[in-house]
């Protein structure tokens, strides 16, 4: 499987995980998992960048493939022009072969006629030899001396000369015909050899033609197949990128909505998960749970199971992180954050602290866990807000937060 297809499968898996996990978080729990959610959004953006990079790489490959395809098409055009020349050459060879057929036929006829003439001349030569044998050896001088007159002598001389010329011509014609037969046979054999050479050349050229046609068709076929594959991959990447973009936008909106639901208009974040919104004590005068006398309560108490994460209501610096002692004994394990706007927040009765003095924390960071240390009757968070050192009612910073109160009369909605 290619890296691109593995990446697409991983991205699809990430979508499924996000779809299963995030809907489970309510408005108040987003900041318990806010870092995770933000990280997941960042991861999606990273995946989108990876997809964009891969898509750009594929587009570059497509451009290169297109250039190769254009080069192959140009090569095909050149080869097709060469093929036309080869076909013309083949036609020329076919014409040569046809002319050789005609030439061979003519040479065959000439050879046949020469052989006939040779046979006739040889027959004439043989008859002349037999005639001379039958007549016996005759002295041309005896014929001349047997002449009875000068006129007869001249006639005999001319006759002897004609006989000699005739005999010589018979021999010369025979020799000439024999030479003609030999020449015609050689010419025929040469024509046949040249024709065979032309036929072999024709076969070779036709094979070359077929190979070049196959080469071009194969090349263009391979390029087209690769082009189709890359276009399919680009389409998949484009779809995956679009899906990622849509998912990022959806998650960002969901994250923004959750932040909006959790962070109050004053900019304070509810310090506990969404389900933990039941007060057990308000700010101000109340009956002390230990002395049962009226006493000023400097914060609010929110019921929550032991170990419930406590979040920083605002970004700030940890000015206190310790187990209370002396005048601060009642707070038990507690943390105080100082914020840039002159406010500070206190979180008391923790089972454990998660930050140290001097540390800078962001809104929503887990700074500790609910417990019942110090002067406490059960697991809860004691939460205070101070402005330049003066205590304020924490609920005034969460007017848009739905809260309940649990007392002797049961659980009732207070805002």
Foldseek 3Di string as FASTA:
>chain_A
DDPLVVLLVVLVVLVVVCVVPVVVADLQCCLVCVVVLVVSLVVLVVSLVVLVVVLVVLVVVLVVLVVVLVVLVVVVVVLVVVLVVLVVVLVVLVVLLVVLVVVLVVLVVQLVVLVVQLVVLVVVLVVVVVVDVVVDDDDLVVCLVVDPDPVSNVVSVVVVVVVVVVNVVSVVSNVVSVVSNVVSVVVSVVSVVVNVVSVVVSVVSVVVSVVVVVVSVVSSVVSVVVSVVSVVSSVSSVVSSVVSVVVSVVSVVVSVVSCPQQQFPLRFGQFFGQVFFEWADFAAWDQDPVPRHTDGQLETKTDDDWFGFTWGRAWFFWQDADADDDVGQQQGGKTKGADPQQKIKIKGQFPFADDDHGDTDGTSDGGGTWHHGHNGDTTIIGMWMDHNRHTDGPVVSVVVRWHWYQDPVGIGTDD
